[in-house]
Amino acid sequence: MDDAKRFSDVKFLVDKKGAVPRIKEHRTLINRKFGKYPKWMRFDNGKELVNTESKAWAAEHGIQVEVTAPYSQSQNGVAERFNCTHMELARAMLFAKKSTRISMGSSCCTCKLPM
């Protein structure tokens, strides 16, 4: 989630090992969409996002990595609110459909949020 433009891109992970390639994809997407590269990225303190591989990659590309303090969702409030709203919409779609056969991922992909 971009704090300035509220640009968001939802990525789903099969397992936590796929986090770093998704971060790299996101950097490419930002460049294609806005013609610029990010100068910094903020993550929660999850080990799948902040590890030696991601830190080395970020340093190589001149990206400063910021992490939030543990258990402090308020430091990443815009992203946390986006996640809550997105999940509420997906649950409402599943409830309205009266089906649990649709995966949560496909429901989230269908939701488009104006931010």
N, C-alpha and C. Protein backbone atom coordinates (compact mmCIF):
# COMPACT_ATOMS: atom_id res chain seq x y z
N MET A 1 0.85 -1.17 0.00
CA MET A 1 0.00 0.00 0.00
C MET A 1 0.89 1.22 0.00
N ASP A 2 0.67 2.09 -0.96
CA ASP A 2 1.41 3.33 -1.06
C ASP A 2 0.71 4.38 -0.23
N ASP A 3 1.39 4.96 0.74
CA ASP A 3 0.78 5.97 1.60
C ASP A 3 0.38 7.22 0.84
N ALA A 4 1.17 7.62 -0.16
CA ALA A 4 0.91 8.86 -0.88
C ALA A 4 -0.25 8.73 -1.87
N LYS A 5 -0.23 7.71 -2.70
CA LYS A 5 -1.23 7.56 -3.76
C LYS A 5 -2.29 6.52 -3.46
N ARG A 6 -2.13 5.79 -2.35
CA ARG A 6 -3.05 4.71 -1.96
C ARG A 6 -3.10 3.60 -3.00
N PHE A 7 -2.04 3.46 -3.78
CA PHE A 7 -1.94 2.37 -4.74
C PHE A 7 -1.72 1.08 -3.98
N SER A 8 -2.49 0.07 -4.31
CA SER A 8 -2.34 -1.22 -3.62
C SER A 8 -2.32 -2.34 -4.66
N ASP A 9 -1.66 -3.40 -4.27
CA ASP A 9 -1.55 -4.56 -5.13
C ASP A 9 -1.57 -5.78 -4.21
N VAL A 10 -2.62 -6.57 -4.30
CA VAL A 10 -2.77 -7.73 -3.41
C VAL A 10 -2.02 -8.92 -4.01
N LYS A 11 -1.17 -9.51 -3.22
CA LYS A 11 -0.42 -10.71 -3.64
C LYS A 11 -0.72 -11.82 -2.65
N PHE A 12 -1.02 -13.01 -3.16
CA PHE A 12 -1.29 -14.16 -2.31
C PHE A 12 -0.09 -15.09 -2.32
N LEU A 13 0.19 -15.67 -1.18
CA LEU A 13 1.33 -16.58 -1.04
C LEU A 13 0.84 -17.98 -0.73
N VAL A 14 1.41 -18.95 -1.40
CA VAL A 14 1.12 -20.35 -1.09
C VAL A 14 1.84 -20.72 0.19
N ASP A 15 3.09 -20.29 0.30
CA ASP A 15 3.85 -20.46 1.53
C ASP A 15 4.72 -19.22 1.72
N LYS A 16 5.33 -19.10 2.87
CA LYS A 16 6.09 -17.90 3.20
C LYS A 16 7.38 -17.76 2.42
N LYS A 17 7.83 -18.81 1.78
CA LYS A 17 9.06 -18.75 0.99
C LYS A 17 8.88 -17.86 -0.24
N GLY A 18 7.66 -17.66 -0.66
CA GLY A 18 7.41 -16.87 -1.86
C GLY A 18 7.31 -15.38 -1.62
N ALA A 19 7.60 -14.92 -0.42
CA ALA A 19 7.44 -13.50 -0.10
C ALA A 19 8.45 -12.62 -0.83
N VAL A 20 9.71 -13.01 -0.83
CA VAL A 20 10.75 -12.18 -1.45
C VAL A 20 10.54 -12.04 -2.96
N PRO A 21 10.23 -13.12 -3.69
CA PRO A 21 9.93 -12.92 -5.12
C PRO A 21 8.74 -11.99 -5.36
N ARG A 22 7.76 -12.01 -4.48
CA ARG A 22 6.60 -11.12 -4.63
C ARG A 22 7.00 -9.66 -4.38
N ILE A 23 7.93 -9.44 -3.45
CA ILE A 23 8.43 -8.08 -3.21
C ILE A 23 9.14 -7.57 -4.47
N LYS A 24 9.91 -8.44 -5.09
CA LYS A 24 10.62 -8.07 -6.32
C LYS A 24 9.63 -7.76 -7.44
N GLU A 25 8.58 -8.55 -7.56
CA GLU A 25 7.54 -8.31 -8.56
C GLU A 25 6.87 -6.96 -8.31
N HIS A 26 6.64 -6.66 -7.03
CA HIS A 26 5.97 -5.41 -6.68
C HIS A 26 6.82 -4.20 -7.09
N ARG A 27 8.13 -4.29 -6.89
CA ARG A 27 9.03 -3.21 -7.30
C ARG A 27 8.95 -2.99 -8.81
N THR A 28 8.91 -4.07 -9.57
CA THR A 28 8.79 -3.96 -11.03
C THR A 28 7.45 -3.34 -11.42
N LEU A 29 6.38 -3.75 -10.73
CA LEU A 29 5.06 -3.21 -11.01
C LEU A 29 5.01 -1.71 -10.75
N ILE A 30 5.60 -1.27 -9.66
CA ILE A 30 5.64 0.16 -9.34
C ILE A 30 6.37 0.92 -10.44
N ASN A 31 7.48 0.36 -10.91
CA ASN A 31 8.24 1.03 -11.97
C ASN A 31 7.42 1.12 -13.25
N ARG A 32 6.73 0.06 -13.61
CA ARG A 32 5.93 0.07 -14.84
C ARG A 32 4.77 1.06 -14.74
N LYS A 33 4.15 1.11 -13.58
CA LYS A 33 2.97 1.95 -13.42
C LYS A 33 3.30 3.43 -13.25
N PHE A 34 4.37 3.74 -12.49
CA PHE A 34 4.67 5.12 -12.16
C PHE A 34 5.99 5.64 -12.75
N GLY A 35 6.79 4.74 -13.33
CA GLY A 35 8.05 5.17 -13.92
C GLY A 35 9.13 5.48 -12.90
N LYS A 36 8.93 5.07 -11.66
CA LYS A 36 9.89 5.32 -10.59
C LYS A 36 10.07 4.05 -9.77
N TYR A 37 11.18 3.98 -9.07
CA TYR A 37 11.42 2.87 -8.15
C TYR A 37 11.21 3.34 -6.72
N PRO A 38 10.76 2.45 -5.85
CA PRO A 38 10.59 2.87 -4.45
C PRO A 38 11.94 3.12 -3.79
N LYS A 39 11.96 4.12 -2.91
CA LYS A 39 13.19 4.43 -2.18
C LYS A 39 13.21 3.74 -0.82
N TRP A 40 12.01 3.42 -0.30
CA TRP A 40 11.94 2.68 0.96
C TRP A 40 10.67 1.85 0.98
N MET A 41 10.69 0.81 1.77
CA MET A 41 9.53 -0.06 1.98
C MET A 41 9.39 -0.33 3.46
N ARG A 42 8.16 -0.36 3.91
CA ARG A 42 7.88 -0.64 5.32
C ARG A 42 7.17 -1.97 5.43
N PHE A 43 7.67 -2.81 6.33
CA PHE A 43 7.08 -4.12 6.57
C PHE A 43 6.81 -4.29 8.05
N ASP A 44 5.90 -5.22 8.36
CA ASP A 44 5.82 -5.62 9.76
C ASP A 44 7.05 -6.48 10.03
N ASN A 45 7.20 -6.94 11.20
CA ASN A 45 8.44 -7.62 11.59
C ASN A 45 8.46 -9.10 11.21
N GLY A 46 7.66 -9.50 10.23
CA GLY A 46 7.59 -10.91 9.83
C GLY A 46 8.89 -11.38 9.21
N LYS A 47 9.34 -12.54 9.61
CA LYS A 47 10.61 -13.08 9.12
C LYS A 47 10.56 -13.45 7.65
N GLU A 48 9.36 -13.67 7.10
CA GLU A 48 9.28 -13.98 5.68
C GLU A 48 9.53 -12.73 4.83
N LEU A 49 9.31 -11.55 5.42
CA LEU A 49 9.52 -10.30 4.70
C LEU A 49 10.87 -9.65 4.99
N VAL A 50 11.31 -9.73 6.23
CA VAL A 50 12.56 -9.10 6.64
C VAL A 50 13.55 -10.19 7.02
N ASN A 51 14.38 -10.56 6.06
CA ASN A 51 15.40 -11.58 6.29
C ASN A 51 16.65 -11.17 5.53
N THR A 52 17.67 -12.00 5.59
CA THR A 52 18.94 -11.63 4.95
C THR A 52 18.80 -11.48 3.44
N GLU A 53 18.00 -12.34 2.82
CA GLU A 53 17.82 -12.26 1.38
C GLU A 53 17.14 -10.95 0.97
N SER A 54 16.06 -10.59 1.66
CA SER A 54 15.34 -9.37 1.30
C SER A 54 16.15 -8.12 1.63
N LYS A 55 16.88 -8.15 2.73
CA LYS A 55 17.71 -7.00 3.09
C LYS A 55 18.84 -6.80 2.08
N ALA A 56 19.47 -7.90 1.65
CA ALA A 56 20.54 -7.80 0.66
C ALA A 56 20.01 -7.28 -0.67
N TRP A 57 18.86 -7.78 -1.09
CA TRP A 57 18.25 -7.33 -2.34
C TRP A 57 17.90 -5.84 -2.25
N ALA A 58 17.32 -5.42 -1.13
CA ALA A 58 16.94 -4.02 -0.96
C ALA A 58 18.17 -3.12 -0.98
N ALA A 59 19.23 -3.53 -0.30
CA ALA A 59 20.46 -2.73 -0.29
C ALA A 59 21.07 -2.62 -1.69
N GLU A 60 20.99 -3.70 -2.43
CA GLU A 60 21.52 -3.72 -3.81
C GLU A 60 20.78 -2.74 -4.71
N HIS A 61 19.48 -2.56 -4.45
CA HIS A 61 18.66 -1.68 -5.28
C HIS A 61 18.43 -0.31 -4.64
N GLY A 62 19.12 -0.01 -3.55
CA GLY A 62 19.02 1.30 -2.91
C GLY A 62 17.70 1.54 -2.20
N ILE A 63 17.09 0.49 -1.72
CA ILE A 63 15.81 0.61 -1.01
C ILE A 63 16.07 0.49 0.49
N GLN A 64 15.58 1.46 1.23
CA GLN A 64 15.71 1.42 2.68
C GLN A 64 14.53 0.63 3.25
N VAL A 65 14.82 -0.34 4.09
CA VAL A 65 13.79 -1.18 4.68
C VAL A 65 13.48 -0.68 6.08
N GLU A 66 12.21 -0.38 6.33
CA GLU A 66 11.75 0.01 7.66
C GLU A 66 10.85 -1.10 8.19
N VAL A 67 10.96 -1.37 9.47
CA VAL A 67 10.09 -2.35 10.10
C VAL A 67 9.33 -1.69 11.23
N THR A 68 8.12 -2.15 11.44
CA THR A 68 7.32 -1.63 12.54
C THR A 68 7.70 -2.37 13.82
N ALA A 69 7.38 -1.77 14.93
CA ALA A 69 7.62 -2.42 16.22
C ALA A 69 6.67 -3.61 16.34
N PRO A 70 7.10 -4.67 17.03
CA PRO A 70 6.23 -5.84 17.18
C PRO A 70 4.91 -5.49 17.86
N TYR A 71 3.84 -6.07 17.36
CA TYR A 71 2.49 -5.92 17.91
C TYR A 71 2.02 -4.47 17.93
N SER A 72 2.37 -3.70 16.94
CA SER A 72 1.93 -2.30 16.88
C SER A 72 1.33 -2.03 15.50
N GLN A 73 0.10 -2.45 15.33
CA GLN A 73 -0.57 -2.28 14.05
C GLN A 73 -0.77 -0.81 13.70
N SER A 74 -0.81 0.06 14.70
CA SER A 74 -1.05 1.48 14.43
C SER A 74 0.08 2.11 13.63
N GLN A 75 1.28 1.54 13.66
CA GLN A 75 2.38 2.09 12.88
C GLN A 75 2.21 1.82 11.39
N ASN A 76 1.36 0.89 11.05
CA ASN A 76 1.11 0.57 9.65
C ASN A 76 -0.40 0.63 9.42
N GLY A 77 -1.00 1.71 9.91
CA GLY A 77 -2.46 1.84 9.96
C GLY A 77 -3.16 1.78 8.61
N VAL A 78 -2.59 2.40 7.59
CA VAL A 78 -3.24 2.41 6.27
C VAL A 78 -3.35 1.00 5.73
N ALA A 79 -2.26 0.24 5.81
CA ALA A 79 -2.27 -1.13 5.31
C ALA A 79 -3.18 -2.03 6.15
N GLU A 80 -3.15 -1.84 7.46
CA GLU A 80 -4.01 -2.65 8.33
C GLU A 80 -5.48 -2.40 8.04
N ARG A 81 -5.87 -1.15 7.84
CA ARG A 81 -7.26 -0.82 7.53
C ARG A 81 -7.66 -1.41 6.17
N PHE A 82 -6.74 -1.32 5.21
CA PHE A 82 -7.00 -1.90 3.89
C PHE A 82 -7.25 -3.40 4.01
N ASN A 83 -6.41 -4.09 4.78
CA ASN A 83 -6.57 -5.54 4.95
C ASN A 83 -7.90 -5.88 5.60
N CYS A 84 -8.28 -5.12 6.64
CA CYS A 84 -9.56 -5.39 7.31
C CYS A 84 -10.73 -5.18 6.37
N THR A 85 -10.71 -4.08 5.63
CA THR A 85 -11.81 -3.79 4.70
C THR A 85 -11.89 -4.85 3.61
N HIS A 86 -10.75 -5.25 3.10
CA HIS A 86 -10.71 -6.25 2.04
C HIS A 86 -11.27 -7.59 2.53
N MET A 87 -10.88 -7.99 3.72
CA MET A 87 -11.36 -9.26 4.26
C MET A 87 -12.86 -9.21 4.57
N GLU A 88 -13.35 -8.06 5.06
CA GLU A 88 -14.78 -7.92 5.31
C GLU A 88 -15.58 -8.06 4.02
N LEU A 89 -15.10 -7.44 2.94
CA LEU A 89 -15.79 -7.56 1.66
C LEU A 89 -15.78 -8.99 1.15
N ALA A 90 -14.66 -9.67 1.29
CA ALA A 90 -14.56 -11.05 0.83
C ALA A 90 -15.52 -11.95 1.63
N ARG A 91 -15.55 -11.74 2.94
CA ARG A 91 -16.48 -12.55 3.77
C ARG A 91 -17.93 -12.27 3.41
N ALA A 92 -18.25 -11.00 3.14
CA ALA A 92 -19.62 -10.65 2.75
C ALA A 92 -19.99 -11.32 1.43
N MET A 93 -19.05 -11.37 0.49
CA MET A 93 -19.32 -12.04 -0.78
C MET A 93 -19.55 -13.54 -0.58
N LEU A 94 -18.75 -14.15 0.28
CA LEU A 94 -18.93 -15.58 0.56
C LEU A 94 -20.27 -15.83 1.24
N PHE A 95 -20.63 -14.97 2.18
CA PHE A 95 -21.90 -15.11 2.88
C PHE A 95 -23.07 -14.94 1.92
N ALA A 96 -23.00 -13.93 1.06
CA ALA A 96 -24.08 -13.68 0.09
C ALA A 96 -24.23 -14.83 -0.89
N LYS A 97 -23.13 -15.44 -1.23
CA LYS A 97 -23.16 -16.56 -2.17
C LYS A 97 -23.61 -17.85 -1.48
N LYS A 98 -23.59 -17.84 -0.14
CA LYS A 98 -23.94 -19.01 0.67
C LYS A 98 -23.11 -20.21 0.27
N SER A 99 -21.84 -19.93 0.05
CA SER A 99 -20.95 -20.99 -0.40
C SER A 99 -19.61 -20.86 0.29
N THR A 100 -19.10 -21.99 0.73
CA THR A 100 -17.74 -22.01 1.25
C THR A 100 -16.81 -22.64 0.23
N ARG A 101 -17.33 -22.96 -0.96
CA ARG A 101 -16.52 -23.62 -1.99
C ARG A 101 -15.60 -22.63 -2.69
N ILE A 102 -15.96 -21.36 -2.65
CA ILE A 102 -15.10 -20.34 -3.25
C ILE A 102 -13.98 -20.04 -2.27
N SER A 103 -12.78 -20.02 -2.76
CA SER A 103 -11.66 -19.73 -1.86
C SER A 103 -11.67 -18.26 -1.47
N MET A 104 -11.08 -17.99 -0.31
CA MET A 104 -10.98 -16.61 0.16
C MET A 104 -10.14 -15.79 -0.80
N GLY A 105 -9.13 -16.40 -1.40
CA GLY A 105 -8.27 -15.69 -2.34
C GLY A 105 -9.01 -15.19 -3.55
N SER A 106 -9.86 -16.02 -4.13
CA SER A 106 -10.60 -15.58 -5.31
C SER A 106 -11.63 -14.51 -4.95
N SER A 107 -12.18 -14.57 -3.74
CA SER A 107 -13.10 -13.53 -3.30
C SER A 107 -12.37 -12.21 -3.12
N CYS A 108 -11.17 -12.27 -2.55
CA CYS A 108 -10.39 -11.04 -2.35
C CYS A 108 -9.98 -10.44 -3.69
N CYS A 109 -9.68 -11.27 -4.66
CA CYS A 109 -9.27 -10.77 -5.97
C CYS A 109 -10.43 -10.05 -6.66
N THR A 110 -11.65 -10.45 -6.37
CA THR A 110 -12.81 -9.84 -6.99
C THR A 110 -13.10 -8.47 -6.43
N CYS A 111 -12.74 -8.23 -5.18
CA CYS A 111 -13.01 -6.95 -4.52
C CYS A 111 -12.10 -5.88 -5.09
N LYS A 112 -12.68 -4.77 -5.47
CA LYS A 112 -11.91 -3.60 -5.90
C LYS A 112 -12.26 -2.47 -4.96
N LEU A 113 -11.26 -1.97 -4.28
CA LEU A 113 -11.51 -0.92 -3.29
C LEU A 113 -11.05 0.42 -3.81
N PRO A 114 -11.93 1.42 -3.78
CA PRO A 114 -11.48 2.78 -4.05
C PRO A 114 -10.86 3.35 -2.80
N MET A 115 -9.60 3.68 -2.86
CA MET A 115 -8.94 4.22 -1.66
C MET A 115 -8.54 5.65 -1.89
